[in-house]
Every structure is written in structure tokens, then in C-alpha cells.
Amino acid sequence: MKEFDYLIVGSGLFGATVANLLNKKGKKVLVIDKRDHIAGNVYTEKIEGINVHKYGAHIFHTDYKDVWDYVNSFVEFNRYTNSPVARIGDEIYNMPFNMNTFSKIWNDVITPEDALKHIEKERKEVEGEPKNLEEQAISLVGRTIYEKLVKGYTEKQWGRDCKALPSFIIKRLPVRLTYDNNYFNDLYQGIPISGYTKLVEKMLDGVEVRLNTNFFEDVKKYKNIASTIVYTGAIDEYFNYKLGKLEYRSLKFDTKILDCKNYQGNAVVNFTGHEVDYTRVIEHKHFEFDTENPKTVISYEYPADYKEGMEKYYTVNDDVNNKLADEYRKLALEEKNVIFGGRLAEYKYYDMDDVIKSAFNCVEELNK
């Protein structure tokens, strides 16, 4: 007899959702996490009374009513709407690209038709199929917007010239011929009023959780502790990189406490030029409409090449890495009693709602 029915490796949204649903069905579940906290990259910590998104801004948005109802069954969400602004030098623009953006970039833009004339004229620069990210972006929004609001940010994000990046990275760029500054089109949007950590705490209520516990420090022990393993870590690490290492991008954060009520007037400001090394500044109190706290907490976000010991934030889904990931996925299918799920285990970029939806499907399969 195994000690547990299920071992969940990782306490992020995928692992926490699977653990919660299995626990509700009476299964004995153990969750382990190598970090000293639960919630993975959505972890929030209190600093000066402000819920700080330690691993970068996370705004929950979804069209899945079942997912929205599920997360709201644990905590209450506020009405936060993601409306970032972009800064290049001393110029500020609205994002996503909308009539506010276009009328500031081109002085003669009054109507949507005016904006379209500028964009369509500039799109013609690219003939035929775009050969790289730069051409793809210009074919979507024209050179002016590309140069001001796409090029620098993207090059900092990926650490490469846009001409050296594949076109598929930017499949589409939003061009909205309205004055709506809401970045997402999803029906439901908000942030847990008490922070994401509280959400995951509620999800894991009644489940045994062991922190500072690394699966790879005693693989034999953990493979024998439960009948089934749900693994949410990096898929190449699980197989000890036997086929080679997959590529990831990472982030570094410089977080500061400031003696002012309001530093930048918005939760997220994207810095789209090369005059600074960071890609955005996050002012956390604005996620929760805090106007009274005499202090504020800001985080500068710096993209970085992944190095051993850093956190893996973004998969690099180019042809080479996708081919290697497919080979690892074949190995994963051969693993008995091990389920691979989530962003790192599937080597796939997921929004938070898609992570939870995928976890729903995982548990449904396990219960068949």
C-alpha cells in the first residue's frame, strides 16, 4: 500500500487545482514544493500592507464561466481591469493600440478611418510572407507603432534583434479602433482582493503540503510514496536532460519601497525603448485601488537569459525547442503512473485560466 493516492509536485495553480479537486473526491494527496512558499509564480507577499506580486504582474482574466466560478468560490475578486501604458523616453501611450494611441502618434487622426489610412499605408512596406518578427509586426501595425511600442520591448524581452526572431512570436497585435483601454477582451477579469497566496491557501485547505522539498533530491522515495504522481516541473529536468536542455527565458526583479502615495499612477508601465534595460515597472498598490497607504512598492522587471538556479518564466517555442519538447513528450507518455501538467511540464505558455482549465481536464481523465 502506498502512503498517498497522489503526489503533486509543485503548488502552483495547476498543482493546487488538481490537489483541491482530488481531495474533494476523498483521495489522499501530498503536495511538495521546492520553494519556501506555495502558489508558484502567482505568489503574493505583504510588504508595507501591500500585496506584492513577487514574480511579476498577474491579472486573472477568462471567458470560462466554470473557471471564474471556481476561483471565486475560494476568495472574492475585485474589478481590476488591465490597462497598461507604454513609455518611450518622455512619451506615454495607451496599450493596447487604440484610438488614444493613434491620435497621439499621428496628429491628424480624429476618426477610426484616419487611423486605418496610416496603418494600411505603412503595412504595405512588407510584401509577401513576413520572414522575421520585425516584418510580421510591420505587416500588422506599420513601422511607426512597431518602432515606438514593439521593437525595443520585444528585443529586451527575448535578448535578440527583432530581425533574428521568428515571425510566429507575434501572431497578432491588437489594433482597436475604439477608445477602450481594456487590454483583454475576456468576459471576466480581476485580482483576488486578499492576494493570490490566499486563493491558493484556500485551494489547498485540508491537503498536506511540504515546502522546501525538492522532488529530485530523493526521486526514488517520492516515486514510491504515492500511487500516481502529478508532475508540474520542467519536463527536461524530470528526464535528467537526457535528450538535451530546453531553452527558457527568465526575469529579475528589483523591488523598492518608496515614501510616496503614488509613484506612476498605474499598476503597469511598459518601457518600450532601449534607453532603460527593464521592460516594465509594476506599482503593486494600484492592483487593489489603494489610495490611502502613505507608502508604495514598485518592482523593476528585467528580462534575462536563463541560468542554472534562476526561475524558468518563459518557454522558447521556436522550431528547435518545440522539436526537442516533442521528444520529451513521447518519453512522458511512456512514464507509468506519472501525469505531466502545466506550463513547464508541457513546455507551453499558459494563461492562468487555461492552467486551471487544463487541471480540470486532468482530474476528469484521472476519474475515468
Protein backbone atom coordinates (compact mmCIF):
# COMPACT_ATOMS: atom_id res chain seq x y z
CA MET A 1 0.00 0.00 0.00
CA LYS A 2 1.25 3.46 -0.91
CA GLU A 3 1.18 6.21 1.71
CA PHE A 4 -0.74 8.57 -0.63
CA ASP A 5 -3.03 8.20 -3.60
CA TYR A 6 -1.44 11.17 -5.34
CA LEU A 7 1.80 13.10 -5.08
CA ILE A 8 1.60 16.57 -6.63
CA VAL A 9 5.00 18.05 -7.46
CA GLY A 10 4.56 21.83 -7.39
CA SER A 11 1.99 24.05 -5.67
CA GLY A 12 1.27 26.50 -8.49
CA LEU A 13 -2.19 26.87 -9.99
CA PHE A 14 -2.12 23.56 -11.87
CA GLY A 15 -0.91 21.53 -8.90
CA ALA A 16 -3.17 23.32 -6.43
CA THR A 17 -6.26 22.83 -8.60
CA VAL A 18 -5.58 19.13 -9.12
CA ALA A 19 -4.88 18.68 -5.40
CA ASN A 20 -8.07 20.50 -4.44
CA LEU A 21 -10.32 18.51 -6.77
CA LEU A 22 -8.80 15.16 -5.83
CA ASN A 23 -9.03 16.00 -2.14
CA LYS A 24 -12.72 16.79 -2.58
CA LYS A 25 -13.17 13.32 -4.04
CA GLY A 26 -11.70 11.77 -0.91
CA LYS A 27 -8.25 10.99 -2.29
CA LYS A 28 -5.22 11.19 -0.03
CA VAL A 29 -2.97 13.85 -1.55
CA LEU A 30 0.51 15.16 -0.77
CA VAL A 31 1.81 18.36 -2.35
CA ILE A 32 5.53 19.11 -2.31
CA ASP A 33 7.29 22.27 -3.47
CA LYS A 34 10.99 23.11 -3.59
CA ARG A 35 10.29 26.76 -2.72
CA ASP A 36 9.61 28.05 0.77
CA HIS A 37 6.09 29.12 -0.19
CA ILE A 38 3.01 27.86 -2.02
CA ALA A 39 1.36 29.33 -5.15
CA GLY A 40 4.25 29.14 -7.61
CA ASN A 41 4.70 32.26 -9.72
CA VAL A 42 1.36 33.78 -8.65
CA TYR A 43 2.66 34.08 -5.07
CA THR A 44 1.95 37.42 -3.43
CA GLU A 45 3.57 38.67 -0.22
CA LYS A 46 2.61 41.56 2.05
CA ILE A 47 5.08 44.45 2.07
CA GLU A 48 4.04 47.64 3.88
CA GLY A 49 0.47 46.34 3.83
CA ILE A 50 0.51 45.94 0.03
CA ASN A 51 0.06 42.62 -1.80
CA VAL A 52 3.22 42.44 -3.90
CA HIS A 53 3.27 40.15 -6.96
CA LYS A 54 6.70 38.68 -6.29
CA TYR A 55 7.13 37.03 -9.69
CA GLY A 56 5.60 39.72 -11.87
CA ALA A 57 2.14 41.12 -12.53
CA HIS A 58 -0.66 38.55 -12.69
CA ILE A 59 -4.10 39.70 -13.81
CA PHE A 60 -6.75 36.99 -13.87
CA HIS A 61 -8.92 37.07 -16.98
CA THR A 62 -11.09 34.41 -18.60
CA ASP A 63 -14.08 33.61 -20.75
CA TYR A 64 -14.55 30.27 -18.94
CA LYS A 65 -17.50 30.69 -16.60
CA ASP A 66 -16.69 27.41 -14.81
CA VAL A 67 -13.13 28.60 -14.12
CA TRP A 68 -14.34 32.03 -12.94
CA ASP A 69 -16.93 30.46 -10.63
CA TYR A 70 -14.30 28.04 -9.32
CA VAL A 71 -11.73 30.68 -8.27
CA ASN A 72 -14.47 32.91 -6.85
CA SER A 73 -15.65 30.04 -4.66
CA PHE A 74 -12.46 30.47 -2.61
CA VAL A 75 -11.93 34.24 -2.45
CA GLU A 76 -13.56 37.40 -3.68
CA PHE A 77 -12.10 39.10 -6.76
CA ASN A 78 -12.02 42.85 -7.33
CA ARG A 79 -12.94 44.64 -10.57
CA TYR A 80 -9.36 45.40 -11.68
CA THR A 81 -9.11 45.97 -15.43
CA ASN A 82 -5.74 45.65 -17.12
CA SER A 83 -4.98 48.99 -18.79
CA PRO A 84 -1.19 49.26 -19.10
CA VAL A 85 0.53 52.29 -20.58
CA ALA A 86 3.69 52.35 -22.63
CA ARG A 87 6.52 54.80 -22.12
CA ILE A 88 9.33 55.57 -24.56
CA GLY A 89 11.58 58.40 -23.48
CA ASP A 90 9.23 61.06 -22.13
CA GLU A 91 6.27 59.97 -24.24
CA ILE A 92 3.31 57.99 -22.87
CA TYR A 93 0.94 55.89 -24.97
CA ASN A 94 -2.09 53.73 -24.20
CA MET A 95 -2.00 49.99 -24.70
CA PRO A 96 -3.46 48.04 -26.34
CA PHE A 97 -3.06 50.05 -29.54
CA ASN A 98 -6.30 52.01 -29.79
CA MET A 99 -7.66 55.40 -30.84
CA ASN A 100 -5.95 57.06 -27.84
CA THR A 101 -2.64 55.66 -29.13
CA PHE A 102 -3.20 56.54 -32.78
CA SER A 103 -4.40 60.10 -32.16
CA LYS A 104 -1.26 60.81 -30.12
CA ILE A 105 1.13 59.22 -32.65
CA TRP A 106 -0.46 60.94 -35.67
CA ASN A 107 -1.72 64.49 -35.12
CA ASP A 108 -4.24 64.28 -37.96
CA VAL A 109 -6.06 61.21 -36.58
CA ILE A 110 -9.59 62.08 -35.48
CA THR A 111 -11.64 59.13 -36.72
CA PRO A 112 -11.03 55.37 -36.98
CA GLU A 113 -10.83 55.84 -40.76
CA ASP A 114 -7.94 58.29 -40.28
CA ALA A 115 -6.05 55.77 -38.15
CA LEU A 116 -6.62 52.95 -40.65
CA LYS A 117 -5.25 55.05 -43.50
CA HIS A 118 -1.94 55.49 -41.65
CA ILE A 119 -1.69 51.85 -40.60
CA GLU A 120 -2.64 50.40 -44.00
CA LYS A 121 -0.18 52.67 -45.79
CA GLU A 122 2.69 51.53 -43.55
CA ARG A 123 1.70 47.86 -43.72
CA LYS A 124 2.49 47.88 -47.45
CA GLU A 125 6.20 48.08 -46.62
CA VAL A 126 6.19 44.30 -46.19
CA GLU A 127 5.50 42.30 -49.32
CA GLY A 128 4.80 38.60 -49.22
CA GLU A 129 5.14 36.36 -46.20
CA PRO A 130 6.95 38.03 -43.23
CA LYS A 131 10.41 36.48 -42.81
CA ASN A 132 11.03 37.58 -39.21
CA LEU A 133 9.38 39.25 -36.24
CA GLU A 134 10.12 42.77 -37.47
CA GLU A 135 8.39 42.17 -40.78
CA GLN A 136 5.50 40.42 -39.07
CA ALA A 137 4.95 43.36 -36.69
CA ILE A 138 5.14 45.93 -39.51
CA SER A 139 2.66 43.88 -41.55
CA LEU A 140 0.23 44.09 -38.62
CA VAL A 141 0.60 47.65 -37.28
CA GLY A 142 3.01 49.53 -39.54
CA ARG A 143 6.53 50.82 -38.90
CA THR A 144 5.70 53.84 -36.69
CA ILE A 145 3.94 51.81 -33.99
CA TYR A 146 6.47 48.99 -34.38
CA GLU A 147 9.43 51.32 -33.79
CA LYS A 148 7.88 53.12 -30.81
CA LEU A 149 5.96 50.40 -28.97
CA VAL A 150 7.07 46.95 -30.14
CA LYS A 151 10.72 46.82 -31.20
CA GLY A 152 12.61 47.81 -28.05
CA TYR A 153 10.33 45.96 -25.65
CA THR A 154 10.49 42.76 -27.70
CA GLU A 155 14.26 42.88 -28.12
CA LYS A 156 14.71 43.33 -24.38
CA GLN A 157 12.20 40.57 -23.66
CA TRP A 158 13.94 37.98 -25.86
CA GLY A 159 17.52 39.27 -25.77
CA ARG A 160 17.74 39.29 -29.59
CA ASP A 161 17.28 41.66 -32.51
CA CYS A 162 13.74 41.53 -33.90
CA LYS A 163 15.14 40.59 -37.33
CA ALA A 164 16.66 37.49 -35.71
CA LEU A 165 13.39 36.42 -34.05
CA PRO A 166 10.87 34.18 -35.82
CA SER A 167 7.69 35.82 -37.08
CA PHE A 168 5.34 33.47 -35.20
CA ILE A 169 6.23 35.06 -31.83
CA ILE A 170 3.89 37.91 -32.78
CA LYS A 171 0.96 36.16 -34.42
CA ARG A 172 -1.24 39.18 -33.91
CA LEU A 173 -1.10 42.65 -32.40
CA PRO A 174 -4.34 44.27 -31.27
CA VAL A 175 -5.49 47.22 -33.37
CA ARG A 176 -8.61 48.63 -31.76
CA LEU A 177 -10.44 51.42 -33.49
CA THR A 178 -12.11 52.49 -30.23
CA TYR A 179 -11.03 54.43 -27.14
CA ASP A 180 -11.26 51.33 -24.91
CA ASN A 181 -8.09 50.90 -22.82
CA ASN A 182 -9.01 47.41 -21.53
CA TYR A 183 -6.16 45.15 -22.64
CA PHE A 184 -8.18 41.93 -22.51
CA ASN A 185 -11.41 41.04 -24.27
CA ASP A 186 -12.40 38.36 -21.76
CA LEU A 187 -15.79 38.49 -20.08
CA TYR A 188 -14.37 38.09 -16.54
CA GLN A 189 -11.37 39.92 -15.09
CA GLY A 190 -9.99 40.84 -11.68
CA ILE A 191 -7.49 40.13 -8.91
CA PRO A 192 -8.11 38.32 -5.59
CA ILE A 193 -8.79 41.04 -3.02
CA SER A 194 -6.70 39.23 -0.42
CA GLY A 195 -3.93 38.27 -2.87
CA TYR A 196 -3.18 35.13 -4.87
CA THR A 197 -1.47 33.41 -1.96
CA LYS A 198 -4.74 33.44 -0.03
CA LEU A 199 -6.50 31.92 -3.06
CA VAL A 200 -4.05 29.01 -3.21
CA GLU A 201 -4.13 28.59 0.59
CA LYS A 202 -7.89 28.09 0.37
CA MET A 203 -7.49 25.66 -2.52
CA LEU A 204 -5.02 23.57 -0.52
CA ASP A 205 -7.09 23.58 2.67
CA GLY A 206 -7.15 20.02 4.03
CA VAL A 207 -4.25 18.89 1.80
CA GLU A 208 -0.85 18.00 3.27
CA VAL A 209 1.80 20.37 1.90
CA ARG A 210 5.56 20.08 2.40
CA LEU A 211 7.65 23.11 1.42
CA ASN A 212 11.43 23.29 0.88
CA THR A 213 11.08 19.79 -0.52
CA ASN A 214 12.83 19.01 -3.80
CA PHE A 215 11.50 16.01 -5.72
CA PHE A 216 14.90 15.44 -7.33
CA GLU A 217 16.77 15.17 -4.05
CA ASP A 218 15.15 11.78 -3.45
CA VAL A 219 13.38 10.66 -6.60
CA LYS A 220 13.20 7.02 -5.55
CA LYS A 221 11.44 7.92 -2.28
CA TYR A 222 8.88 10.19 -3.93
CA LYS A 223 8.17 7.78 -6.78
CA ASN A 224 7.23 5.18 -4.19
CA ILE A 225 5.25 7.40 -1.82
CA ALA A 226 2.08 7.58 -3.94
CA SER A 227 0.19 5.51 -6.49
CA THR A 228 0.20 8.34 -9.03
CA ILE A 229 2.44 11.40 -9.48
CA VAL A 230 1.24 14.68 -10.98
CA TYR A 231 4.41 16.48 -12.04
CA THR A 232 4.37 20.22 -12.83
CA GLY A 233 8.09 20.97 -13.05
CA ALA A 234 10.28 21.28 -16.15
CA ILE A 235 9.87 18.24 -18.40
CA ASP A 236 13.55 18.12 -19.42
CA GLU A 237 14.65 18.20 -15.79
CA TYR A 238 12.40 15.23 -14.98
CA PHE A 239 14.31 13.15 -17.53
CA ASN A 240 17.65 14.48 -16.31
CA TYR A 241 18.18 16.35 -19.60
CA LYS A 242 18.93 13.05 -21.36
CA LEU A 243 17.91 14.46 -24.76
CA GLY A 244 19.39 17.90 -24.13
CA LYS A 245 18.25 21.05 -22.36
CA LEU A 246 15.22 23.04 -23.44
CA GLU A 247 15.60 26.81 -23.62
CA TYR A 248 13.87 29.23 -21.25
CA ARG A 249 13.81 32.95 -20.60
CA SER A 250 13.96 34.29 -17.07
CA LEU A 251 13.30 37.53 -15.21
CA LYS A 252 14.98 39.55 -12.48
CA PHE A 253 13.14 41.95 -10.19
CA ASP A 254 14.38 44.96 -8.28
CA THR A 255 11.70 45.83 -5.72
CA LYS A 256 11.76 49.10 -3.79
CA ILE A 257 9.65 50.68 -1.04
CA LEU A 258 9.05 54.38 -1.69
CA ASP A 259 7.84 57.09 0.68
CA CYS A 260 5.11 58.36 -1.59
CA LYS A 261 1.44 57.55 -2.12
CA ASN A 262 1.56 57.28 -5.89
CA TYR A 263 4.69 56.78 -7.98
CA GLN A 264 3.48 56.30 -11.56
CA GLY A 265 -0.32 56.42 -11.49
CA ASN A 266 -0.80 52.95 -12.98
CA ALA A 267 -0.18 49.35 -11.96
CA VAL A 268 1.90 48.56 -15.06
CA VAL A 269 4.03 50.86 -17.22
CA ASN A 270 5.84 49.19 -20.14
CA PHE A 271 9.16 50.75 -21.15
CA THR A 272 9.41 50.14 -24.87
CA GLY A 273 12.73 51.82 -25.66
CA HIS A 274 16.37 50.85 -25.18
CA GLU A 275 17.11 53.91 -23.01
CA VAL A 276 16.47 51.63 -19.97
CA ASP A 277 17.23 47.93 -19.50
CA TYR A 278 13.97 46.99 -17.77
CA THR A 279 10.79 46.21 -19.68
CA ARG A 280 8.25 47.43 -17.15
CA VAL A 281 7.69 48.94 -13.74
CA ILE A 282 4.93 47.49 -11.57
CA GLU A 283 3.33 49.59 -8.83
CA HIS A 284 1.52 46.92 -6.83
CA LYS A 285 -0.91 49.03 -4.79
CA HIS A 286 -2.82 50.01 -7.95
CA PHE A 287 -3.93 46.39 -8.44
CA GLU A 288 -6.17 46.89 -5.41
CA PHE A 289 -7.10 50.60 -5.74
CA ASP A 290 -5.10 51.55 -2.62
CA THR A 291 -5.10 55.33 -2.32
CA GLU A 292 -4.57 55.69 1.43
CA ASN A 293 -1.27 53.93 2.15
CA PRO A 294 1.42 56.61 2.57
CA LYS A 295 4.00 54.26 1.01
CA THR A 296 4.15 52.39 -2.27
CA VAL A 297 6.07 49.36 -3.55
CA ILE A 298 7.43 49.23 -7.10
CA SER A 299 9.22 46.45 -8.99
CA TYR A 300 11.52 46.94 -11.96
CA GLU A 301 11.30 43.91 -14.26
CA TYR A 302 14.43 42.89 -16.18
CA PRO A 303 14.37 40.09 -18.78
CA ALA A 304 17.33 37.71 -18.55
CA ASP A 305 18.82 34.65 -20.17
CA TYR A 306 18.03 31.63 -18.03
CA LYS A 307 20.94 30.32 -15.98
CA GLU A 308 21.05 27.45 -13.53
CA GLY A 309 19.37 28.35 -10.25
CA MET A 310 17.10 31.01 -11.78
CA GLU A 311 13.36 30.67 -12.24
CA LYS A 312 12.08 29.49 -15.62
CA TYR A 313 9.46 32.01 -16.74
CA TYR A 314 9.01 31.65 -20.48
CA THR A 315 9.37 28.71 -22.81
CA VAL A 316 11.15 29.50 -26.08
CA ASN A 317 8.79 27.85 -28.54
CA ASP A 318 10.86 28.07 -31.71
CA ASP A 319 11.21 25.13 -34.10
CA VAL A 320 14.33 23.71 -32.44
CA ASN A 321 12.89 23.76 -28.92
CA ASN A 322 9.46 22.54 -29.98
CA LYS A 323 11.03 19.56 -31.74
CA LEU A 324 13.03 18.68 -28.64
CA ALA A 325 9.97 19.16 -26.43
CA ASP A 326 8.04 16.73 -28.64
CA GLU A 327 10.69 14.10 -27.99
CA TYR A 328 10.39 14.66 -24.25
CA ARG A 329 6.59 14.43 -24.52
CA LYS A 330 6.99 10.99 -26.11
CA LEU A 331 9.08 9.91 -23.12
CA ALA A 332 6.42 11.34 -20.79
CA LEU A 333 3.73 9.18 -22.38
CA GLU A 334 5.81 6.11 -21.55
CA GLU A 335 6.12 7.00 -17.85
CA LYS A 336 3.80 4.78 -15.84
CA ASN A 337 1.61 6.47 -13.23
CA VAL A 338 3.06 9.93 -13.90
CA ILE A 339 0.94 12.80 -15.25
CA PHE A 340 2.72 15.85 -16.71
CA GLY A 341 0.77 19.08 -16.47
CA GLY A 342 1.21 22.84 -16.51
CA ARG A 343 3.43 25.34 -18.23
CA LEU A 344 6.85 23.79 -17.55
CA ALA A 345 5.82 20.12 -17.71
CA GLU A 346 4.15 20.65 -21.09
CA TYR A 347 6.67 23.25 -22.33
CA LYS A 348 3.83 25.53 -23.30
CA TYR A 349 2.83 29.09 -22.45
CA TYR A 350 -0.43 29.11 -20.48
CA ASP A 351 -2.59 31.94 -19.18
CA MET A 352 -3.81 31.33 -15.63
CA ASP A 353 -7.34 30.38 -16.66
CA ASP A 354 -6.03 27.87 -19.20
CA VAL A 355 -3.84 26.32 -16.49
CA ILE A 356 -6.91 25.77 -14.31
CA LYS A 357 -8.99 24.51 -17.25
CA SER A 358 -6.23 22.05 -18.10
CA ALA A 359 -6.19 20.89 -14.46
CA PHE A 360 -9.97 20.33 -14.65
CA ASN A 361 -9.43 18.11 -17.70
CA CYS A 362 -6.58 16.27 -16.00
CA VAL A 363 -8.74 15.34 -12.99
CA GLU A 364 -11.59 14.35 -15.27
CA GLU A 365 -9.27 11.92 -17.03
CA LEU A 366 -7.96 10.55 -13.74
CA ASN A 367 -11.51 9.84 -12.59
CA LYS A 368 -12.48 7.83 -15.67
